[in-house]
Structures are given as structure tokens and as C-alpha cells.
PDB file of N, CA and C in Angstrom:
ATOM      1  N   UNK A   1      -7.651 -29.510  18.450  1.00  0.00           N
ATOM      2  CA  UNK A   1      -8.478 -28.497  19.081  1.00  0.00           C
ATOM      3  C   UNK A   1      -7.617 -27.498  19.839  1.00  0.00           C
ATOM      4  N   UNK A   2      -6.538 -28.001  20.470  1.00  0.00           N
ATOM      5  CA  UNK A   2      -5.660 -27.124  21.228  1.00  0.00           C
ATOM      6  C   UNK A   2      -5.013 -26.080  20.311  1.00  0.00           C
ATOM      7  N   UNK A   3      -4.637 -26.491  19.100  1.00  0.00           N
ATOM      8  CA  UNK A   3      -3.984 -25.550  18.183  1.00  0.00           C
ATOM      9  C   UNK A   3      -4.956 -24.465  17.716  1.00  0.00           C
ATOM     10  N   UNK A   4      -6.241 -24.797  17.584  1.00  0.00           N
ATOM     11  CA  UNK A   4      -7.242 -23.800  17.195  1.00  0.00           C
ATOM     12  C   UNK A   4      -7.397 -22.757  18.300  1.00  0.00           C
ATOM     13  N   UNK A   5      -7.418 -23.203  19.563  1.00  0.00           N
ATOM     14  CA  UNK A   5      -7.516 -22.268  20.680  1.00  0.00           C
ATOM     15  C   UNK A   5      -6.278 -21.390  20.752  1.00  0.00           C
ATOM     16  N   UNK A   6      -5.110 -21.980  20.514  1.00  0.00           N
ATOM     17  CA  UNK A   6      -3.864 -21.206  20.531  1.00  0.00           C
ATOM     18  C   UNK A   6      -3.865 -20.159  19.422  1.00  0.00           C
ATOM     19  N   UNK A   7      -4.322 -20.558  18.250  1.00  0.00           N
ATOM     20  CA  UNK A   7      -4.388 -19.636  17.125  1.00  0.00           C
ATOM     21  C   UNK A   7      -5.371 -18.503  17.419  1.00  0.00           C
ATOM     22  N   UNK A   8      -6.510 -18.826  17.979  1.00  0.00           N
ATOM     23  CA  UNK A   8      -7.507 -17.815  18.317  1.00  0.00           C
ATOM     24  C   UNK A   8      -6.955 -16.833  19.351  1.00  0.00           C
ATOM     25  N   UNK A   9      -6.239 -17.348  20.320  1.00  0.00           N
ATOM     26  CA  UNK A   9      -5.639 -16.485  21.342  1.00  0.00           C
ATOM     27  C   UNK A   9      -4.588 -15.570  20.723  1.00  0.00           C
ATOM     28  N   UNK A  10      -3.805 -16.096  19.805  1.00  0.00           N
ATOM     29  CA  UNK A  10      -2.780 -15.301  19.131  1.00  0.00           C
ATOM     30  C   UNK A  10      -3.408 -14.190  18.297  1.00  0.00           C
ATOM     31  N   UNK A  11      -4.461 -14.505  17.562  1.00  0.00           N
ATOM     32  CA  UNK A  11      -5.151 -13.510  16.754  1.00  0.00           C
ATOM     33  C   UNK A  11      -5.749 -12.427  17.649  1.00  0.00           C
ATOM     34  N   UNK A  12      -6.355 -12.812  18.743  1.00  0.00           N
ATOM     35  CA  UNK A  12      -6.946 -11.858  19.675  1.00  0.00           C
ATOM     36  C   UNK A  12      -5.878 -10.942  20.256  1.00  0.00           C
ATOM     37  N   UNK A  13      -4.745 -11.492  20.652  1.00  0.00           N
ATOM     38  CA  UNK A  13      -3.641 -10.710  21.201  1.00  0.00           C
ATOM     39  C   UNK A  13      -3.095  -9.734  20.156  1.00  0.00           C
ATOM     40  N   UNK A  14      -2.891 -10.219  18.937  1.00  0.00           N
ATOM     41  CA  UNK A  14      -2.350  -9.379  17.869  1.00  0.00           C
ATOM     42  C   UNK A  14      -3.303  -8.232  17.547  1.00  0.00           C
ATOM     43  N   UNK A  15      -4.594  -8.531  17.508  1.00  0.00           N
ATOM     44  CA  UNK A  15      -5.594  -7.500  17.218  1.00  0.00           C
ATOM     45  C   UNK A  15      -5.607  -6.455  18.326  1.00  0.00           C
ATOM     46  N   UNK A  16      -5.567  -6.882  19.555  1.00  0.00           N
ATOM     47  CA  UNK A  16      -5.563  -5.947  20.680  1.00  0.00           C
ATOM     48  C   UNK A  16      -4.304  -5.085  20.647  1.00  0.00           C
ATOM     49  N   UNK A  17      -3.182  -5.668  20.289  1.00  0.00           N
ATOM     50  CA  UNK A  17      -1.924  -4.922  20.230  1.00  0.00           C
ATOM     51  C   UNK A  17      -1.965  -3.852  19.153  1.00  0.00           C
ATOM     52  N   UNK A  18      -2.519  -4.187  18.015  1.00  0.00           N
ATOM     53  CA  UNK A  18      -2.576  -3.229  16.912  1.00  0.00           C
ATOM     54  C   UNK A  18      -3.406  -2.016  17.286  1.00  0.00           C
ATOM     55  N   UNK A  19      -4.508  -2.215  17.984  1.00  0.00           N
ATOM     56  CA  UNK A  19      -5.384  -1.109  18.299  1.00  0.00           C
ATOM     57  C   UNK A  19      -4.977  -0.346  19.559  1.00  0.00           C
ATOM     58  N   UNK A  20      -4.134  -0.898  20.392  1.00  0.00           N
ATOM     59  CA  UNK A  20      -3.783  -0.208  21.621  1.00  0.00           C
ATOM     60  C   UNK A  20      -2.442   0.503  21.559  1.00  0.00           C
ATOM     61  N   UNK A  21      -1.609   0.189  20.589  1.00  0.00           N
ATOM     62  CA  UNK A  21      -0.301   0.823  20.469  1.00  0.00           C
ATOM     63  C   UNK A  21      -0.336   1.782  19.295  1.00  0.00           C
ATOM     64  N   UNK A  22       0.006   3.059  19.520  1.00  0.00           N
ATOM     65  CA  UNK A  22       0.004   4.011  18.404  1.00  0.00           C
ATOM     66  C   UNK A  22       0.991   3.567  17.328  1.00  0.00           C
ATOM     67  N   UNK A  23       0.565   3.687  16.097  1.00  0.00           N
ATOM     68  CA  UNK A  23       1.432   3.285  14.998  1.00  0.00           C
ATOM     69  C   UNK A  23       2.424   4.385  14.678  1.00  0.00           C
ATOM     70  N   UNK A  24       3.419   4.050  13.902  1.00  0.00           N
ATOM     71  CA  UNK A  24       4.403   5.032  13.467  1.00  0.00           C
ATOM     72  C   UNK A  24       3.714   6.121  12.663  1.00  0.00           C
ATOM     73  N   UNK A  25       2.744   5.752  11.838  1.00  0.00           N
ATOM     74  CA  UNK A  25       2.023   6.737  11.031  1.00  0.00           C
ATOM     75  C   UNK A  25       1.276   7.728  11.931  1.00  0.00           C
ATOM     76  N   UNK A  26       0.696   7.236  13.024  1.00  0.00           N
ATOM     77  CA  UNK A  26      -0.027   8.119  13.925  1.00  0.00           C
ATOM     78  C   UNK A  26       0.932   9.091  14.606  1.00  0.00           C
ATOM     79  N   UNK A  27       2.094   8.618  15.043  1.00  0.00           N
ATOM     80  CA  UNK A  27       3.033   9.515  15.705  1.00  0.00           C
ATOM     81  C   UNK A  27       3.634  10.495  14.713  1.00  0.00           C
ATOM     82  N   UNK A  28       3.848  10.070  13.467  1.00  0.00           N
ATOM     83  CA  UNK A  28       4.353  10.977  12.438  1.00  0.00           C
ATOM     84  C   UNK A  28       3.321  12.056  12.139  1.00  0.00           C
ATOM     85  N   UNK A  29       2.052  11.678  12.104  1.00  0.00           N
ATOM     86  CA  UNK A  29       0.992  12.644  11.846  1.00  0.00           C
ATOM     87  C   UNK A  29       0.914  13.672  12.972  1.00  0.00           C
ATOM     88  N   UNK A  30       1.258  13.280  14.178  1.00  0.00           N
ATOM     89  CA  UNK A  30       1.238  14.204  15.306  1.00  0.00           C
ATOM     90  C   UNK A  30       2.272  15.314  15.136  1.00  0.00           C
ATOM     91  N   UNK A  31       3.341  15.055  14.406  1.00  0.00           N
ATOM     92  CA  UNK A  31       4.374  16.059  14.147  1.00  0.00           C
ATOM     93  C   UNK A  31       3.987  17.020  13.032  1.00  0.00           C
ATOM     94  N   UNK A  32       2.913  16.733  12.323  1.00  0.00           N
ATOM     95  CA  UNK A  32       2.475  17.573  11.212  1.00  0.00           C
ATOM     96  C   UNK A  32       1.676  18.753  11.766  1.00  0.00           C
ATOM     97  N   UNK A  33       1.833  19.903  11.112  1.00  0.00           N
ATOM     98  CA  UNK A  33       1.125  21.120  11.507  1.00  0.00           C
ATOM     99  C   UNK A  33       0.295  21.626  10.333  1.00  0.00           C
ATOM    100  N   UNK A  34      -0.736  22.399  10.657  1.00  0.00           N
ATOM    101  CA  UNK A  34      -1.574  23.012   9.629  1.00  0.00           C
ATOM    102  C   UNK A  34      -0.886  24.256   9.090  1.00  0.00           C
ATOM    103  N   UNK A  35      -1.026  24.465   7.793  1.00  0.00           N
ATOM    104  CA  UNK A  35      -0.444  25.660   7.203  1.00  0.00           C
ATOM    105  C   UNK A  35      -1.202  26.105   5.968  1.00  0.00           C
ATOM    106  N   UNK A  36      -0.950  27.353   5.573  1.00  0.00           N
ATOM    107  CA  UNK A  36      -1.503  27.901   4.345  1.00  0.00           C
ATOM    108  C   UNK A  36      -0.361  28.569   3.589  1.00  0.00           C
ATOM    109  N   UNK A  37      -0.251  28.255   2.307  1.00  0.00           N
ATOM    110  CA  UNK A  37       0.823  28.790   1.483  1.00  0.00           C
ATOM    111  C   UNK A  37       0.564  30.266   1.191  1.00  0.00           C
ATOM    112  N   UNK A  38       1.513  31.119   1.561  1.00  0.00           N
ATOM    113  CA  UNK A  38       1.389  32.558   1.343  1.00  0.00           C
ATOM    114  C   UNK A  38       2.325  33.050   0.239  1.00  0.00           C
ATOM    115  N   UNK A  39       3.492  32.402   0.086  1.00  0.00           N
ATOM    116  CA  UNK A  39       4.447  32.805  -0.945  1.00  0.00           C
ATOM    117  C   UNK A  39       5.336  31.612  -1.261  1.00  0.00           C
ATOM    118  N   UNK A  40       5.720  31.495  -2.541  1.00  0.00           N
ATOM    119  CA  UNK A  40       6.599  30.413  -2.987  1.00  0.00           C
ATOM    120  C   UNK A  40       7.769  31.026  -3.746  1.00  0.00           C
ATOM    121  N   UNK A  41       8.977  30.681  -3.347  1.00  0.00           N
ATOM    122  CA  UNK A  41      10.185  31.124  -4.049  1.00  0.00           C
ATOM    123  C   UNK A  41      10.938  29.867  -4.466  1.00  0.00           C
ATOM    124  N   UNK A  42      10.569  29.334  -5.644  1.00  0.00           N
ATOM    125  CA  UNK A  42      11.154  28.073  -6.112  1.00  0.00           C
ATOM    126  C   UNK A  42      12.658  28.177  -6.316  1.00  0.00           C
ATOM    127  N   UNK A  43      13.096  29.306  -6.851  1.00  0.00           N
ATOM    128  CA  UNK A  43      14.520  29.477  -7.135  1.00  0.00           C
ATOM    129  C   UNK A  43      15.367  29.399  -5.853  1.00  0.00           C
ATOM    130  N   UNK A  44      14.887  30.036  -4.788  1.00  0.00           N
ATOM    131  CA  UNK A  44      15.619  30.048  -3.527  1.00  0.00           C
ATOM    132  C   UNK A  44      15.303  28.828  -2.662  1.00  0.00           C
ATOM    133  N   UNK A  45      14.275  28.065  -3.048  1.00  0.00           N
ATOM    134  CA  UNK A  45      13.887  26.901  -2.245  1.00  0.00           C
ATOM    135  C   UNK A  45      13.264  27.293  -0.924  1.00  0.00           C
ATOM    136  N   UNK A  46      12.416  28.360  -0.961  1.00  0.00           N
ATOM    137  CA  UNK A  46      11.784  28.848   0.260  1.00  0.00           C
ATOM    138  C   UNK A  46      10.279  28.945   0.077  1.00  0.00           C
ATOM    139  N   UNK A  47       9.584  28.847   1.197  1.00  0.00           N
ATOM    140  CA  UNK A  47       8.134  28.949   1.203  1.00  0.00           C
ATOM    141  C   UNK A  47       7.706  29.750   2.434  1.00  0.00           C
ATOM    142  N   UNK A  48       6.757  30.647   2.238  1.00  0.00           N
ATOM    143  CA  UNK A  48       6.191  31.407   3.350  1.00  0.00           C
ATOM    144  C   UNK A  48       4.859  30.765   3.706  1.00  0.00           C
ATOM    145  N   UNK A  49       4.728  30.401   4.974  1.00  0.00           N
ATOM    146  CA  UNK A  49       3.526  29.724   5.451  1.00  0.00           C
ATOM    147  C   UNK A  49       2.911  30.464   6.621  1.00  0.00           C
ATOM    148  N   UNK A  50       1.590  30.568   6.597  1.00  0.00           N
ATOM    149  CA  UNK A  50       0.837  30.957   7.783  1.00  0.00           C
ATOM    150  C   UNK A  50       0.513  29.632   8.438  1.00  0.00           C
ATOM    151  N   UNK A  51       1.000  29.438   9.659  1.00  0.00           N
ATOM    152  CA  UNK A  51       0.867  28.111  10.267  1.00  0.00           C
ATOM    153  C   UNK A  51       0.312  28.170  11.675  1.00  0.00           C
ATOM    154  N   UNK A  52      -0.204  27.018  12.079  1.00  0.00           N
ATOM    155  CA  UNK A  52      -0.637  26.843  13.452  1.00  0.00           C
ATOM    156  C   UNK A  52       0.568  26.504  14.316  1.00  0.00           C
ATOM    157  N   UNK A  53       0.299  26.095  15.523  1.00  0.00           N
ATOM    158  CA  UNK A  53       1.365  25.743  16.461  1.00  0.00           C
ATOM    159  C   UNK A  53       2.246  24.629  15.891  1.00  0.00           C
ATOM    160  N   UNK A  54       3.555  24.804  16.047  1.00  0.00           N
ATOM    161  CA  UNK A  54       4.513  23.762  15.678  1.00  0.00           C
ATOM    162  C   UNK A  54       4.990  23.124  16.979  1.00  0.00           C
ATOM    163  N   UNK A  55       4.302  22.074  17.403  1.00  0.00           N
ATOM    164  CA  UNK A  55       4.573  21.467  18.703  1.00  0.00           C
ATOM    165  C   UNK A  55       5.993  20.934  18.807  1.00  0.00           C
ATOM    166  N   UNK A  56       6.491  20.320  17.725  1.00  0.00           N
ATOM    167  CA  UNK A  56       7.826  19.736  17.799  1.00  0.00           C
ATOM    168  C   UNK A  56       8.921  20.805  17.880  1.00  0.00           C
ATOM    169  N   UNK A  57       8.595  22.052  17.537  1.00  0.00           N
ATOM    170  CA  UNK A  57       9.559  23.148  17.635  1.00  0.00           C
ATOM    171  C   UNK A  57       9.213  24.114  18.773  1.00  0.00           C
ATOM    172  N   UNK A  58       8.150  23.812  19.519  1.00  0.00           N
ATOM    173  CA  UNK A  58       7.682  24.653  20.615  1.00  0.00           C
ATOM    174  C   UNK A  58       7.494  26.095  20.133  1.00  0.00           C
ATOM    175  N   UNK A  59       6.741  26.238  19.042  1.00  0.00           N
ATOM    176  CA  UNK A  59       6.552  27.539  18.397  1.00  0.00           C
ATOM    177  C   UNK A  59       5.058  27.808  18.209  1.00  0.00           C
ATOM    178  N   UNK A  60       4.609  29.013  18.560  1.00  0.00           N
ATOM    179  CA  UNK A  60       3.194  29.339  18.351  1.00  0.00           C
ATOM    180  C   UNK A  60       2.903  29.581  16.870  1.00  0.00           C
ATOM    181  N   UNK A  61       1.628  29.667  16.548  1.00  0.00           N
ATOM    182  CA  UNK A  61       1.233  29.954  15.182  1.00  0.00           C
ATOM    183  C   UNK A  61       1.670  31.348  14.759  1.00  0.00           C
ATOM    184  N   UNK A  62       2.030  31.484  13.496  1.00  0.00           N
ATOM    185  CA  UNK A  62       2.465  32.772  12.932  1.00  0.00           C
ATOM    186  C   UNK A  62       2.655  32.597  11.434  1.00  0.00           C
ATOM    187  N   UNK A  63       3.108  33.627  10.769  1.00  0.00           N
ATOM    188  CA  UNK A  63       3.480  33.544   9.363  1.00  0.00           C
ATOM    189  C   UNK A  63       4.987  33.716   9.289  1.00  0.00           C
ATOM    190  N   UNK A  64       5.660  32.779   8.601  1.00  0.00           N
ATOM    191  CA  UNK A  64       7.114  32.860   8.508  1.00  0.00           C
ATOM    192  C   UNK A  64       7.636  32.138   7.276  1.00  0.00           C
ATOM    193  N   UNK A  65       8.885  32.398   6.965  1.00  0.00           N
ATOM    194  CA  UNK A  65       9.550  31.792   5.816  1.00  0.00           C
ATOM    195  C   UNK A  65      10.308  30.551   6.276  1.00  0.00           C
ATOM    196  N   UNK A  66      10.187  29.490   5.498  1.00  0.00           N
ATOM    197  CA  UNK A  66      10.911  28.250   5.745  1.00  0.00           C
ATOM    198  C   UNK A  66      11.749  27.913   4.521  1.00  0.00           C
ATOM    199  N   UNK A  67      12.853  27.231   4.741  1.00  0.00           N
ATOM    200  CA  UNK A  67      13.610  26.598   3.668  1.00  0.00           C
ATOM    201  C   UNK A  67      12.936  25.253   3.443  1.00  0.00           C
ATOM    202  N   UNK A  68      12.952  24.732   2.214  1.00  0.00           N
ATOM    203  CA  UNK A  68      12.423  23.388   1.978  1.00  0.00           C
ATOM    204  C   UNK A  68      13.587  22.434   1.746  1.00  0.00           C
ATOM    205  N   UNK A  69      13.421  21.228   2.221  1.00  0.00           N
ATOM    206  CA  UNK A  69      14.471  20.211   2.096  1.00  0.00           C
ATOM    207  C   UNK A  69      14.788  19.936   0.631  1.00  0.00           C
ATOM    208  N   UNK A  70      13.734  19.910  -0.199  1.00  0.00           N
ATOM    209  CA  UNK A  70      13.887  19.614  -1.620  1.00  0.00           C
ATOM    210  C   UNK A  70      12.983  20.561  -2.407  1.00  0.00           C
ATOM    211  N   UNK A  71      13.550  21.310  -3.340  1.00  0.00           N
ATOM    212  CA  UNK A  71      12.783  22.290  -4.121  1.00  0.00           C
ATOM    213  C   UNK A  71      11.619  21.661  -4.880  1.00  0.00           C
ATOM    214  N   UNK A  72      11.720  20.374  -5.192  1.00  0.00           N
ATOM    215  CA  UNK A  72      10.644  19.671  -5.903  1.00  0.00           C
ATOM    216  C   UNK A  72       9.340  19.716  -5.103  1.00  0.00           C
ATOM    217  N   UNK A  73       9.447  19.846  -3.782  1.00  0.00           N
ATOM    218  CA  UNK A  73       8.263  19.907  -2.925  1.00  0.00           C
ATOM    219  C   UNK A  73       7.376  21.097  -3.293  1.00  0.00           C
ATOM    220  N   UNK A  74       7.948  22.115  -3.911  1.00  0.00           N
ATOM    221  CA  UNK A  74       7.211  23.337  -4.226  1.00  0.00           C
ATOM    222  C   UNK A  74       6.475  23.263  -5.561  1.00  0.00           C
ATOM    223  N   UNK A  75       6.807  22.282  -6.385  1.00  0.00           N
ATOM    224  CA  UNK A  75       6.280  22.207  -7.750  1.00  0.00           C
ATOM    225  C   UNK A  75       4.756  22.149  -7.849  1.00  0.00           C
ATOM    226  N   UNK A  76       4.101  21.474  -6.942  1.00  0.00           N
ATOM    227  CA  UNK A  76       2.649  21.281  -7.049  1.00  0.00           C
ATOM    228  C   UNK A  76       1.849  22.211  -6.143  1.00  0.00           C
ATOM    229  N   UNK A  77       2.525  23.163  -5.507  1.00  0.00           N
ATOM    230  CA  UNK A  77       1.830  24.072  -4.606  1.00  0.00           C
ATOM    231  C   UNK A  77       1.487  25.377  -5.303  1.00  0.00           C
ATOM    232  N   UNK A  78       0.368  25.972  -4.887  1.00  0.00           N
ATOM    233  CA  UNK A  78      -0.024  27.296  -5.362  1.00  0.00           C
ATOM    234  C   UNK A  78      -0.417  28.145  -4.151  1.00  0.00           C
ATOM    235  N   UNK A  79      -0.383  29.451  -4.333  1.00  0.00           N
ATOM    236  CA  UNK A  79      -0.754  30.349  -3.243  1.00  0.00           C
ATOM    237  C   UNK A  79      -2.154  30.026  -2.747  1.00  0.00           C
ATOM    238  N   UNK A  80      -2.308  30.009  -1.440  1.00  0.00           N
ATOM    239  CA  UNK A  80      -3.605  29.733  -0.829  1.00  0.00           C
ATOM    240  C   UNK A  80      -3.847  28.281  -0.493  1.00  0.00           C
ATOM    241  N   UNK A  81      -2.988  27.382  -0.978  1.00  0.00           N
ATOM    242  CA  UNK A  81      -3.163  25.954  -0.662  1.00  0.00           C
ATOM    243  C   UNK A  81      -3.129  25.729   0.843  1.00  0.00           C
ATOM    244  N   UNK A  82      -4.031  24.888   1.309  1.00  0.00           N
ATOM    245  CA  UNK A  82      -4.020  24.420   2.700  1.00  0.00           C
ATOM    246  C   UNK A  82      -3.186  23.145   2.716  1.00  0.00           C
ATOM    247  N   UNK A  83      -2.286  23.052   3.690  1.00  0.00           N
ATOM    248  CA  UNK A  83      -1.379  21.912   3.756  1.00  0.00           C
ATOM    249  C   UNK A  83      -1.215  21.428   5.187  1.00  0.00           C
ATOM    250  N   UNK A  84      -0.675  20.232   5.310  1.00  0.00           N
ATOM    251  CA  UNK A  84      -0.115  19.715   6.554  1.00  0.00           C
ATOM    252  C   UNK A  84       1.373  19.624   6.262  1.00  0.00           C
ATOM    253  N   UNK A  85       2.203  20.007   7.218  1.00  0.00           N
ATOM    254  CA  UNK A  85       3.638  19.964   6.963  1.00  0.00           C
ATOM    255  C   UNK A  85       4.405  19.663   8.236  1.00  0.00           C
ATOM    256  N   UNK A  86       5.627  19.208   8.035  1.00  0.00           N
ATOM    257  CA  UNK A  86       6.530  18.967   9.151  1.00  0.00           C
ATOM    258  C   UNK A  86       7.769  19.804   8.924  1.00  0.00           C
ATOM    259  N   UNK A  87       8.131  20.576   9.939  1.00  0.00           N
ATOM    260  CA  UNK A  87       9.328  21.394   9.887  1.00  0.00           C
ATOM    261  C   UNK A  87      10.265  20.992  11.020  1.00  0.00           C
ATOM    262  N   UNK A  88      11.552  21.129  10.762  1.00  0.00           N
ATOM    263  CA  UNK A  88      12.566  20.847  11.776  1.00  0.00           C
ATOM    264  C   UNK A  88      13.521  22.028  11.867  1.00  0.00           C
ATOM    265  N   UNK A  89      14.271  22.079  12.953  1.00  0.00           N
ATOM    266  CA  UNK A  89      15.335  23.065  13.096  1.00  0.00           C
ATOM    267  C   UNK A  89      16.616  22.368  12.662  1.00  0.00           C
ATOM    268  N   UNK A  90      17.101  22.729  11.484  1.00  0.00           N
ATOM    269  CA  UNK A  90      18.296  22.113  10.913  1.00  0.00           C
ATOM    270  C   UNK A  90      19.453  23.104  11.030  1.00  0.00           C
ATOM    271  N   UNK A  91      20.190  23.007  12.123  1.00  0.00           N
ATOM    272  CA  UNK A  91      21.329  23.895  12.383  1.00  0.00           C
ATOM    273  C   UNK A  91      20.929  25.369  12.322  1.00  0.00           C
ATOM    274  N   UNK A  92      19.801  25.689  12.920  1.00  0.00           N
ATOM    275  CA  UNK A  92      19.346  27.070  12.980  1.00  0.00           C
ATOM    276  C   UNK A  92      18.448  27.501  11.832  1.00  0.00           C
ATOM    277  N   UNK A  93      18.263  26.639  10.834  1.00  0.00           N
ATOM    278  CA  UNK A  93      17.369  26.950   9.714  1.00  0.00           C
ATOM    279  C   UNK A  93      16.097  26.134   9.880  1.00  0.00           C
ATOM    280  N   UNK A  94      14.962  26.813   9.919  1.00  0.00           N
ATOM    281  CA  UNK A  94      13.689  26.099  10.002  1.00  0.00           C
ATOM    282  C   UNK A  94      13.383  25.543   8.617  1.00  0.00           C
ATOM    283  N   UNK A  95      13.364  24.225   8.534  1.00  0.00           N
ATOM    284  CA  UNK A  95      13.303  23.527   7.253  1.00  0.00           C
ATOM    285  C   UNK A  95      12.074  22.643   7.166  1.00  0.00           C
ATOM    286  N   UNK A  96      11.308  22.794   6.091  1.00  0.00           N
ATOM    287  CA  UNK A  96      10.163  21.928   5.839  1.00  0.00           C
ATOM    288  C   UNK A  96      10.689  20.645   5.203  1.00  0.00           C
ATOM    289  N   UNK A  97      10.387  19.520   5.841  1.00  0.00           N
ATOM    290  CA  UNK A  97      10.873  18.235   5.350  1.00  0.00           C
ATOM    291  C   UNK A  97       9.766  17.372   4.751  1.00  0.00           C
ATOM    292  N   UNK A  98       8.518  17.785   4.962  1.00  0.00           N
ATOM    293  CA  UNK A  98       7.392  17.023   4.420  1.00  0.00           C
ATOM    294  C   UNK A  98       6.199  17.952   4.234  1.00  0.00           C
ATOM    295  N   UNK A  99       5.517  17.806   3.102  1.00  0.00           N
ATOM    296  CA  UNK A  99       4.299  18.579   2.815  1.00  0.00           C
ATOM    297  C   UNK A  99       3.236  17.641   2.274  1.00  0.00           C
ATOM    298  N   UNK A 100       2.034  17.758   2.834  1.00  0.00           N
ATOM    299  CA  UNK A 100       0.893  16.971   2.360  1.00  0.00           C
ATOM    300  C   UNK A 100      -0.252  17.937   2.115  1.00  0.00           C
ATOM    301  N   UNK A 101      -0.741  18.027   0.864  1.00  0.00           N
ATOM    302  CA  UNK A 101      -1.886  18.904   0.586  1.00  0.00           C
ATOM    303  C   UNK A 101      -3.132  18.432   1.337  1.00  0.00           C
ATOM    304  N   UNK A 102      -3.934  19.387   1.790  1.00  0.00           N
ATOM    305  CA  UNK A 102      -5.191  19.063   2.471  1.00  0.00           C
ATOM    306  C   UNK A 102      -6.282  19.210   1.424  1.00  0.00           C
ATOM    307  N   UNK A 103      -7.032  18.156   1.231  1.00  0.00           N
ATOM    308  CA  UNK A 103      -8.105  18.175   0.228  1.00  0.00           C
ATOM    309  C   UNK A 103      -9.323  18.895   0.795  1.00  0.00           C
ATOM    310  N   UNK A 104      -9.924  19.718  -0.053  1.00  0.00           N
ATOM    311  CA  UNK A 104     -11.132  20.434   0.347  1.00  0.00           C
ATOM    312  C   UNK A 104     -12.276  19.445   0.545  1.00  0.00           C
ATOM    313  N   UNK A 105     -13.146  19.721   1.528  1.00  0.00           N
ATOM    314  CA  UNK A 105     -14.270  18.797   1.793  1.00  0.00           C
ATOM    315  C   UNK A 105     -15.279  18.774   0.681  1.00  0.00           C
TER     316      UNK A 105
END
């Protein structure tokens, strides 16, 4: 009986921990910003985005050109696509390192 109570307490603790501590996925999602594809230059590996605030870069919303980490990221995008993306400052170059298409409702 003691082991059942111990197991129940462990399960309760683990469940509470999972719901009270932000997951890595949640914190990664917080770094993502809203954007809309305005121009794609596959050859140069660049994308022009109209974007909302980039909190991790302390930048307000605007339209600007970004370099992409990998040109393959541009293959499935078309003008007007709504996306979530993460950009970083890589030695002075604003670089998109992740793109996730936003599905229409």
C-alpha cells in the first residue's frame, strides 16, 4: 500500500511540474514573430518580410530584407504567405533561421 501512495505522489508531482514549468517548445515559440512574404530571392538566399515586432532583436514591426540560413527554406514559400519566423543578428546580418507557415483558418 505504501508503494501505491508513493507512486501516486510521484505522478501528481510530475504532472504538476509539467504544467507549471514552460517547455522548451513554448519558449522557442515566444521567439517566433508574425510575418508576411513580400519578395523571395532564391538565388541570393534573401526574403523580404513585412513583420511584427521582433522581441528577441528589440525591433519594431516593419518591412525589411533578411538573409536565410538555408536557401531550401524558400522553396515552399510564395508571395503573400503568412508565416511565423525566427530571426537572429548573425554578425550584423539579420538572418532567418526558422520559418513555419501559418495555416489559414
